[in-house]
């Protein structure tokens, strides 16, 4: 039954308080979600560093970086610091990649499984999820859910 539950789980719903966490990024710096209150946060869970769809997804955010001004943006998966660091450098990402060992935080966000489920969450400055979607939503779709009319 546990096998089936991860397969058919849905993202956390808009209006849900985002579960707090502390994870290290590729440089070993700790990131705590609750410490980011007062600014929006974008969490992009993706299966693998330097794979085709993951690269396209994160490069789309990089290429629209100005539209994410004032937002804390993070890629997240369970790969290690070395893999993340190479991926960041290769594609010149302006945002850190967080390491989720054992998909512990992924379980809280319903992204865990045999591979990480590609899921995007936009969290408001108040710590409440404004948008959660599986797959590779467009930058425009993500930004329409920003607070204060920043979206397109």
Protein backbone atom coordinates (compact mmCIF):
# COMPACT_ATOMS: atom_id res chain seq x y z
CA UNK A 1 0.00 0.00 0.00
CA UNK A 2 2.87 2.41 0.74
CA UNK A 3 4.20 1.77 -2.76
CA UNK A 4 0.89 2.81 -4.31
CA UNK A 5 0.50 5.87 -2.06
CA UNK A 6 3.70 7.53 -3.31
CA UNK A 7 2.72 6.83 -6.90
CA UNK A 8 -0.66 8.54 -6.66
CA UNK A 9 0.03 11.31 -4.18
CA UNK A 10 -0.86 14.87 -5.11
CA UNK A 11 1.05 18.07 -4.37
CA UNK A 12 0.11 19.93 -1.21
CA UNK A 13 -2.88 22.18 -1.90
CA UNK A 14 -2.78 25.95 -2.23
CA UNK A 15 -3.72 27.43 1.13
CA UNK A 16 -1.70 24.85 3.08
CA UNK A 17 1.00 26.15 5.41
CA UNK A 18 4.31 25.08 3.86
CA UNK A 19 6.12 22.55 6.05
CA UNK A 20 9.23 24.08 7.58
CA UNK A 21 12.63 22.53 6.92
CA UNK A 22 16.35 23.15 7.05
CA UNK A 23 18.48 21.75 4.23
CA UNK A 24 22.03 22.39 3.08
CA UNK A 25 22.77 23.78 -0.36
CA UNK A 26 25.62 22.77 -2.67
CA UNK A 27 27.99 25.12 -0.79
CA UNK A 28 27.11 23.64 2.62
CA UNK A 29 25.03 26.66 3.69
CA UNK A 30 21.88 25.91 5.67
CA UNK A 31 18.57 27.15 4.33
CA UNK A 32 15.59 27.24 6.69
CA UNK A 33 12.23 27.94 5.08
CA UNK A 34 10.75 29.78 8.08
CA UNK A 35 13.73 32.19 8.03
CA UNK A 36 12.57 33.31 4.58
CA UNK A 37 9.22 34.65 5.86
CA UNK A 38 8.54 38.06 4.44
CA UNK A 39 9.54 37.04 0.92
CA UNK A 40 8.11 34.55 -1.51
CA UNK A 41 9.91 31.27 -2.10
CA UNK A 42 9.93 28.94 -5.09
CA UNK A 43 10.81 25.29 -4.52
CA UNK A 44 11.45 23.22 -7.63
CA UNK A 45 11.75 19.50 -6.88
CA UNK A 46 13.36 17.67 -9.79
CA UNK A 47 14.61 14.10 -10.28
CA UNK A 48 18.20 14.54 -11.42
CA UNK A 49 21.06 16.96 -11.96
CA UNK A 50 22.10 17.47 -15.58
CA UNK A 51 19.25 15.47 -17.10
CA UNK A 52 17.33 16.80 -20.08
CA UNK A 53 13.98 17.93 -18.67
CA UNK A 54 15.44 19.02 -15.33
CA UNK A 55 18.03 21.14 -17.10
CA UNK A 56 15.39 22.75 -19.36
CA UNK A 57 13.17 23.49 -16.35
CA UNK A 58 15.87 25.14 -14.26
CA UNK A 59 17.36 26.98 -17.25
CA UNK A 60 13.92 28.49 -18.01
CA UNK A 61 13.93 30.01 -14.51
CA UNK A 62 17.51 31.20 -14.97
CA UNK A 63 16.66 32.76 -18.33
CA UNK A 64 13.72 34.66 -16.77
CA UNK A 65 15.63 35.55 -13.61
CA UNK A 66 14.52 39.19 -13.54
CA UNK A 67 10.89 38.09 -13.22
CA UNK A 68 11.79 36.28 -9.98
CA UNK A 69 13.18 39.42 -8.29
CA UNK A 70 12.57 39.43 -4.55
CA UNK A 71 11.85 35.71 -4.48
CA UNK A 72 14.02 33.02 -2.88
CA UNK A 73 14.40 30.25 -5.49
CA UNK A 74 15.73 26.76 -4.85
CA UNK A 75 16.08 23.54 -6.78
CA UNK A 76 15.69 20.46 -4.56
CA UNK A 77 16.54 16.77 -4.85
CA UNK A 78 18.45 14.12 -2.93
CA UNK A 79 21.69 14.27 -4.94
CA UNK A 80 24.83 15.37 -3.13
CA UNK A 81 26.75 18.62 -2.95
CA UNK A 82 29.31 17.62 -5.58
CA UNK A 83 26.67 16.82 -8.19
CA UNK A 84 24.72 19.99 -7.39
CA UNK A 85 27.84 22.16 -7.50
CA UNK A 86 28.82 20.87 -10.96
CA UNK A 87 25.24 21.39 -12.21
CA UNK A 88 25.09 24.98 -10.87
CA UNK A 89 28.46 25.87 -12.42
CA UNK A 90 27.76 24.21 -15.77
CA UNK A 91 24.50 26.15 -16.29
CA UNK A 92 25.33 29.27 -14.25
CA UNK A 93 22.23 29.02 -12.07
CA UNK A 94 21.67 32.17 -9.98
CA UNK A 95 19.97 30.12 -7.26
CA UNK A 96 21.16 27.33 -4.96
CA UNK A 97 20.30 23.64 -5.13
CA UNK A 98 19.25 22.04 -1.87
CA UNK A 99 20.19 18.52 -0.81
CA UNK A 100 17.32 16.43 0.59
CA UNK A 101 19.01 13.26 1.92
CA UNK A 102 16.66 10.30 1.82
CA UNK A 103 13.90 12.57 0.46
CA UNK A 104 12.99 13.43 4.06
CA UNK A 105 11.63 16.88 3.21
CA UNK A 106 10.23 15.49 -0.05
CA UNK A 107 7.95 13.28 2.03
CA UNK A 108 6.50 16.40 3.71
CA UNK A 109 5.93 17.98 0.27
CA UNK A 110 4.64 14.76 -1.42
CA UNK A 111 7.55 14.69 -3.90
CA UNK A 112 9.24 11.48 -2.72
CA UNK A 113 9.25 8.18 -4.54
CA UNK A 114 11.50 5.84 -6.46
CA UNK A 115 12.62 9.05 -8.16
CA UNK A 116 11.79 12.57 -7.02
CA UNK A 117 8.48 13.71 -8.47
CA UNK A 118 8.97 16.87 -10.50
CA UNK A 119 6.92 19.40 -8.51
CA UNK A 120 6.91 23.19 -8.25
CA UNK A 121 5.71 25.08 -5.17
CA UNK A 122 5.31 28.84 -4.87
CA UNK A 123 5.14 29.82 -1.21
CA UNK A 124 3.84 33.23 -0.21
CA UNK A 125 5.65 35.64 2.08
CA UNK A 126 3.31 34.43 4.84
CA UNK A 127 4.55 30.83 4.52
CA UNK A 128 1.38 29.56 2.83
CA UNK A 129 1.51 27.61 -0.42
CA UNK A 130 0.03 29.71 -3.24
CA UNK A 131 0.70 27.21 -6.04
CA UNK A 132 1.72 23.60 -6.31
CA UNK A 133 1.89 21.59 -9.51
CA UNK A 134 3.51 18.42 -10.80
CA UNK A 135 5.50 18.47 -14.00
CA UNK A 136 7.18 21.39 -15.72
CA UNK A 137 4.84 24.39 -15.57
CA UNK A 138 5.90 27.39 -17.59
CA UNK A 139 7.58 30.36 -15.94
CA UNK A 140 4.53 32.43 -16.92
CA UNK A 141 2.15 30.02 -15.19
CA UNK A 142 4.22 30.07 -12.00
CA UNK A 143 4.45 33.85 -11.98
CA UNK A 144 0.68 34.35 -12.33
CA UNK A 145 0.44 33.15 -8.72
CA UNK A 146 2.82 35.74 -7.25
CA UNK A 147 1.55 38.03 -4.52
CA UNK A 148 1.09 41.75 -5.03
CA UNK A 149 0.50 41.66 -8.78
CA UNK A 150 4.08 40.71 -9.72
CA UNK A 151 2.83 37.90 -11.96
CA UNK A 152 2.32 38.11 -15.66
